[in-house]
Amino acid sequence: MSKIQVEIGTEADFFARGKRLAQQLDRREVPAKTHIVMFEDPADLALLLTQARIGVFRAIKEGAASVAVIAARLSRDRSVVNRDVDALCRAGLVTAAWLPV
């Protein structure tokens, strides 16, 4: 399981981090592998990370599974959990492997 860092920051913070990474590469240094998701507005983060979606994270942490299995773990409707997983995927906080039926 890889780690994701969630931050609140500005556009300037984003570009400053990019500049630091470019400088590391110019010095032929290998930057640390990180996955950072940055929100400019804390309210956007609060809208995304509801208690229900935090529950989805916890269920996934128990073990990767289908949306149906996660919904069963949480005793929630599969379609609602599916919408939560989609929202978390769009934000870059989780990944899902959708296999054709």
N, C-alpha and C. Protein backbone atom coordinates (compact mmCIF):
# COMPACT_ATOMS: atom_id res chain seq x y z
N MET A 1 0.86 -1.17 0.00
CA MET A 1 0.00 0.00 0.00
C MET A 1 0.90 1.23 0.00
N SER A 2 0.71 2.13 -0.95
CA SER A 2 1.53 3.33 -1.01
C SER A 2 0.91 4.42 -0.15
N LYS A 3 1.74 5.37 0.22
CA LYS A 3 1.32 6.47 1.08
C LYS A 3 0.94 7.67 0.21
N ILE A 4 -0.08 8.37 0.65
CA ILE A 4 -0.53 9.59 -0.01
C ILE A 4 -0.46 10.71 1.01
N GLN A 5 0.09 11.83 0.59
CA GLN A 5 0.18 13.00 1.45
C GLN A 5 -0.86 14.00 0.97
N VAL A 6 -1.76 14.41 1.85
CA VAL A 6 -2.79 15.38 1.52
C VAL A 6 -2.41 16.70 2.18
N GLU A 7 -2.37 17.76 1.39
CA GLU A 7 -1.94 19.06 1.88
C GLU A 7 -2.93 20.15 1.50
N ILE A 8 -2.88 21.22 2.28
CA ILE A 8 -3.55 22.46 1.93
C ILE A 8 -2.45 23.41 1.48
N GLY A 9 -2.58 24.00 0.32
CA GLY A 9 -1.53 24.90 -0.17
C GLY A 9 -2.02 25.75 -1.31
N THR A 10 -1.19 26.68 -1.68
CA THR A 10 -1.52 27.61 -2.75
C THR A 10 -0.87 27.17 -4.06
N GLU A 11 -1.22 27.85 -5.11
CA GLU A 11 -0.59 27.60 -6.40
C GLU A 11 0.91 27.86 -6.29
N ALA A 12 1.29 28.87 -5.54
CA ALA A 12 2.71 29.18 -5.35
C ALA A 12 3.43 28.02 -4.65
N ASP A 13 2.77 27.39 -3.68
CA ASP A 13 3.36 26.23 -3.01
C ASP A 13 3.60 25.10 -4.00
N PHE A 14 2.64 24.88 -4.87
CA PHE A 14 2.74 23.83 -5.88
C PHE A 14 3.96 24.07 -6.77
N PHE A 15 4.10 25.30 -7.28
CA PHE A 15 5.21 25.59 -8.18
C PHE A 15 6.55 25.62 -7.45
N ALA A 16 6.56 26.01 -6.18
CA ALA A 16 7.80 26.00 -5.39
C ALA A 16 8.28 24.56 -5.21
N ARG A 17 7.36 23.62 -4.96
CA ARG A 17 7.75 22.22 -4.84
C ARG A 17 8.31 21.71 -6.16
N GLY A 18 7.68 22.09 -7.27
CA GLY A 18 8.18 21.69 -8.58
C GLY A 18 9.58 22.23 -8.84
N LYS A 19 9.82 23.46 -8.41
CA LYS A 19 11.15 24.06 -8.58
C LYS A 19 12.19 23.30 -7.76
N ARG A 20 11.84 22.95 -6.51
CA ARG A 20 12.77 22.19 -5.67
C ARG A 20 13.10 20.83 -6.30
N LEU A 21 12.07 20.17 -6.85
CA LEU A 21 12.30 18.88 -7.51
C LEU A 21 13.21 19.04 -8.72
N ALA A 22 12.99 20.08 -9.51
CA ALA A 22 13.83 20.32 -10.68
C ALA A 22 15.27 20.58 -10.27
N GLN A 23 15.46 21.32 -9.18
CA GLN A 23 16.82 21.58 -8.70
C GLN A 23 17.50 20.29 -8.25
N GLN A 24 16.75 19.42 -7.59
CA GLN A 24 17.31 18.12 -7.19
C GLN A 24 17.76 17.33 -8.41
N LEU A 25 16.91 17.31 -9.42
CA LEU A 25 17.25 16.58 -10.65
C LEU A 25 18.45 17.19 -11.34
N ASP A 26 18.55 18.53 -11.34
CA ASP A 26 19.72 19.19 -11.93
C ASP A 26 21.01 18.78 -11.22
N ARG A 27 20.92 18.51 -9.91
CA ARG A 27 22.08 18.08 -9.14
C ARG A 27 22.28 16.56 -9.24
N ARG A 28 21.47 15.92 -10.08
CA ARG A 28 21.49 14.47 -10.28
C ARG A 28 21.13 13.69 -9.01
N GLU A 29 20.33 14.31 -8.17
CA GLU A 29 19.82 13.65 -6.97
C GLU A 29 18.51 12.96 -7.32
N VAL A 30 18.26 11.86 -6.66
CA VAL A 30 17.00 11.15 -6.87
C VAL A 30 16.01 11.64 -5.82
N PRO A 31 14.95 12.33 -6.26
CA PRO A 31 13.98 12.82 -5.27
C PRO A 31 13.21 11.67 -4.64
N ALA A 32 12.76 11.90 -3.41
CA ALA A 32 11.96 10.89 -2.72
C ALA A 32 10.66 10.69 -3.51
N LYS A 33 10.25 9.44 -3.60
CA LYS A 33 9.00 9.13 -4.29
C LYS A 33 7.83 9.50 -3.38
N THR A 34 7.04 10.44 -3.84
CA THR A 34 5.89 10.89 -3.05
C THR A 34 4.67 11.03 -3.95
N HIS A 35 3.53 10.89 -3.33
CA HIS A 35 2.26 11.13 -4.01
C HIS A 35 1.53 12.16 -3.16
N ILE A 36 1.49 13.40 -3.66
CA ILE A 36 0.90 14.49 -2.90
C ILE A 36 -0.35 14.98 -3.63
N VAL A 37 -1.42 15.11 -2.88
CA VAL A 37 -2.66 15.70 -3.39
C VAL A 37 -2.85 17.00 -2.61
N MET A 38 -2.89 18.13 -3.33
CA MET A 38 -2.97 19.42 -2.67
C MET A 38 -4.32 20.08 -2.95
N PHE A 39 -4.89 20.63 -1.90
CA PHE A 39 -6.14 21.38 -2.00
C PHE A 39 -5.84 22.82 -1.65
N GLU A 40 -6.31 23.73 -2.48
CA GLU A 40 -6.10 25.15 -2.20
C GLU A 40 -7.08 25.64 -1.13
N ASP A 41 -8.28 25.11 -1.15
CA ASP A 41 -9.30 25.53 -0.21
C ASP A 41 -9.60 24.40 0.77
N PRO A 42 -9.39 24.61 2.05
CA PRO A 42 -9.69 23.57 3.03
C PRO A 42 -11.14 23.09 2.97
N ALA A 43 -12.04 23.94 2.55
CA ALA A 43 -13.45 23.54 2.44
C ALA A 43 -13.63 22.44 1.39
N ASP A 44 -12.84 22.50 0.31
CA ASP A 44 -12.92 21.45 -0.71
C ASP A 44 -12.48 20.10 -0.15
N LEU A 45 -11.44 20.14 0.67
CA LEU A 45 -10.98 18.91 1.31
C LEU A 45 -12.05 18.37 2.26
N ALA A 46 -12.66 19.26 3.02
CA ALA A 46 -13.71 18.84 3.96
C ALA A 46 -14.92 18.26 3.23
N LEU A 47 -15.26 18.81 2.07
CA LEU A 47 -16.37 18.26 1.28
C LEU A 47 -16.05 16.87 0.75
N LEU A 48 -14.79 16.66 0.39
CA LEU A 48 -14.39 15.37 -0.17
C LEU A 48 -14.28 14.30 0.90
N LEU A 49 -13.63 14.62 2.00
CA LEU A 49 -13.36 13.61 3.02
C LEU A 49 -14.44 13.60 4.10
N THR A 50 -15.58 13.09 3.72
CA THR A 50 -16.68 12.93 4.66
C THR A 50 -16.39 11.73 5.57
N GLN A 51 -17.15 11.61 6.65
CA GLN A 51 -17.00 10.46 7.53
C GLN A 51 -17.23 9.15 6.77
N ALA A 52 -18.20 9.15 5.86
CA ALA A 52 -18.49 7.94 5.09
C ALA A 52 -17.30 7.56 4.22
N ARG A 53 -16.66 8.54 3.60
CA ARG A 53 -15.52 8.24 2.73
C ARG A 53 -14.29 7.84 3.53
N ILE A 54 -14.15 8.38 4.72
CA ILE A 54 -13.08 7.92 5.60
C ILE A 54 -13.32 6.45 5.95
N GLY A 55 -14.59 6.09 6.11
CA GLY A 55 -14.93 4.68 6.33
C GLY A 55 -14.52 3.81 5.15
N VAL A 56 -14.66 4.34 3.95
CA VAL A 56 -14.22 3.60 2.75
C VAL A 56 -12.72 3.38 2.81
N PHE A 57 -11.95 4.42 3.19
CA PHE A 57 -10.51 4.25 3.35
C PHE A 57 -10.19 3.13 4.33
N ARG A 58 -10.87 3.13 5.46
CA ARG A 58 -10.60 2.12 6.48
C ARG A 58 -10.94 0.71 5.96
N ALA A 59 -12.03 0.61 5.22
CA ALA A 59 -12.41 -0.70 4.66
C ALA A 59 -11.38 -1.17 3.65
N ILE A 60 -10.87 -0.25 2.84
CA ILE A 60 -9.84 -0.61 1.85
C ILE A 60 -8.56 -1.03 2.57
N LYS A 61 -8.25 -0.35 3.67
CA LYS A 61 -7.05 -0.68 4.43
C LYS A 61 -7.10 -2.12 4.97
N GLU A 62 -8.32 -2.58 5.28
CA GLU A 62 -8.49 -3.97 5.72
C GLU A 62 -8.09 -4.95 4.63
N GLY A 63 -8.18 -4.51 3.40
CA GLY A 63 -7.79 -5.35 2.27
C GLY A 63 -8.51 -4.90 1.02
N ALA A 64 -7.77 -4.85 -0.08
CA ALA A 64 -8.36 -4.46 -1.35
C ALA A 64 -9.50 -5.41 -1.68
N ALA A 65 -10.55 -4.86 -2.21
CA ALA A 65 -11.73 -5.67 -2.51
C ALA A 65 -12.61 -4.94 -3.52
N SER A 66 -13.60 -5.63 -3.99
CA SER A 66 -14.57 -5.02 -4.90
C SER A 66 -15.43 -4.03 -4.12
N VAL A 67 -16.12 -3.18 -4.86
CA VAL A 67 -17.03 -2.23 -4.23
C VAL A 67 -18.11 -2.98 -3.46
N ALA A 68 -18.57 -4.09 -4.00
CA ALA A 68 -19.60 -4.87 -3.30
C ALA A 68 -19.11 -5.37 -1.95
N VAL A 69 -17.86 -5.83 -1.91
CA VAL A 69 -17.29 -6.33 -0.64
C VAL A 69 -17.10 -5.18 0.34
N ILE A 70 -16.60 -4.05 -0.16
CA ILE A 70 -16.43 -2.88 0.71
C ILE A 70 -17.78 -2.43 1.26
N ALA A 71 -18.79 -2.39 0.40
CA ALA A 71 -20.14 -2.00 0.84
C ALA A 71 -20.64 -2.94 1.94
N ALA A 72 -20.38 -4.23 1.77
CA ALA A 72 -20.80 -5.21 2.78
C ALA A 72 -20.05 -4.98 4.09
N ARG A 73 -18.74 -4.70 4.01
CA ARG A 73 -17.96 -4.42 5.22
C ARG A 73 -18.53 -3.22 5.99
N LEU A 74 -19.03 -2.24 5.22
CA LEU A 74 -19.53 -1.01 5.83
C LEU A 74 -21.03 -1.03 6.10
N SER A 75 -21.69 -2.09 5.67
CA SER A 75 -23.16 -2.18 5.77
C SER A 75 -23.83 -0.98 5.11
N ARG A 76 -23.34 -0.67 3.89
CA ARG A 76 -23.87 0.45 3.12
C ARG A 76 -24.30 -0.04 1.74
N ASP A 77 -25.12 0.73 1.09
CA ASP A 77 -25.58 0.41 -0.26
C ASP A 77 -24.40 0.47 -1.23
N ARG A 78 -24.31 -0.54 -2.11
CA ARG A 78 -23.20 -0.63 -3.06
C ARG A 78 -23.12 0.59 -3.97
N SER A 79 -24.25 1.10 -4.44
CA SER A 79 -24.22 2.24 -5.37
C SER A 79 -23.68 3.50 -4.69
N VAL A 80 -23.97 3.67 -3.42
CA VAL A 80 -23.47 4.84 -2.68
C VAL A 80 -21.97 4.70 -2.46
N VAL A 81 -21.52 3.51 -2.10
CA VAL A 81 -20.08 3.27 -1.92
C VAL A 81 -19.36 3.45 -3.25
N ASN A 82 -19.98 3.02 -4.33
CA ASN A 82 -19.39 3.20 -5.66
C ASN A 82 -19.19 4.68 -5.96
N ARG A 83 -20.17 5.51 -5.63
CA ARG A 83 -20.03 6.97 -5.84
C ARG A 83 -18.90 7.53 -4.98
N ASP A 84 -18.78 7.04 -3.74
CA ASP A 84 -17.70 7.50 -2.88
C ASP A 84 -16.34 7.10 -3.45
N VAL A 85 -16.22 5.87 -3.91
CA VAL A 85 -14.96 5.40 -4.50
C VAL A 85 -14.64 6.22 -5.75
N ASP A 86 -15.63 6.50 -6.58
CA ASP A 86 -15.40 7.32 -7.77
C ASP A 86 -14.88 8.71 -7.40
N ALA A 87 -15.47 9.32 -6.39
CA ALA A 87 -15.03 10.66 -5.95
C ALA A 87 -13.60 10.62 -5.44
N LEU A 88 -13.26 9.60 -4.68
CA LEU A 88 -11.90 9.47 -4.15
C LEU A 88 -10.90 9.19 -5.28
N CYS A 89 -11.32 8.44 -6.28
CA CYS A 89 -10.46 8.19 -7.45
C CYS A 89 -10.21 9.47 -8.23
N ARG A 90 -11.27 10.24 -8.46
CA ARG A 90 -11.12 11.51 -9.21
C ARG A 90 -10.16 12.46 -8.49
N ALA A 91 -10.16 12.43 -7.16
CA ALA A 91 -9.28 13.30 -6.39
C ALA A 91 -7.85 12.75 -6.31
N GLY A 92 -7.65 11.52 -6.77
CA GLY A 92 -6.33 10.93 -6.74
C GLY A 92 -5.95 10.30 -5.42
N LEU A 93 -6.94 10.06 -4.57
CA LEU A 93 -6.67 9.49 -3.25
C LEU A 93 -6.71 7.98 -3.21
N VAL A 94 -7.40 7.35 -4.13
CA VAL A 94 -7.40 5.90 -4.26
C VAL A 94 -7.35 5.55 -5.73
N THR A 95 -6.95 4.33 -6.01
CA THR A 95 -7.00 3.83 -7.38
C THR A 95 -7.87 2.60 -7.39
N ALA A 96 -8.50 2.39 -8.51
CA ALA A 96 -9.37 1.23 -8.66
C ALA A 96 -9.07 0.58 -9.99
N ALA A 97 -9.05 -0.73 -9.98
CA ALA A 97 -8.86 -1.50 -11.20
C ALA A 97 -10.22 -2.02 -11.61
N TRP A 98 -10.80 -1.41 -12.61
CA TRP A 98 -12.12 -1.83 -13.10
C TRP A 98 -11.92 -2.83 -14.20
N LEU A 99 -12.43 -4.00 -13.99
CA LEU A 99 -12.29 -5.06 -14.98
C LEU A 99 -13.60 -5.21 -15.75
N PRO A 100 -13.53 -5.35 -17.07
CA PRO A 100 -14.76 -5.53 -17.84
C PRO A 100 -15.43 -6.86 -17.46
N VAL A 101 -16.74 -6.85 -17.45
CA VAL A 101 -17.50 -8.05 -17.09
C VAL A 101 -17.71 -8.90 -18.31
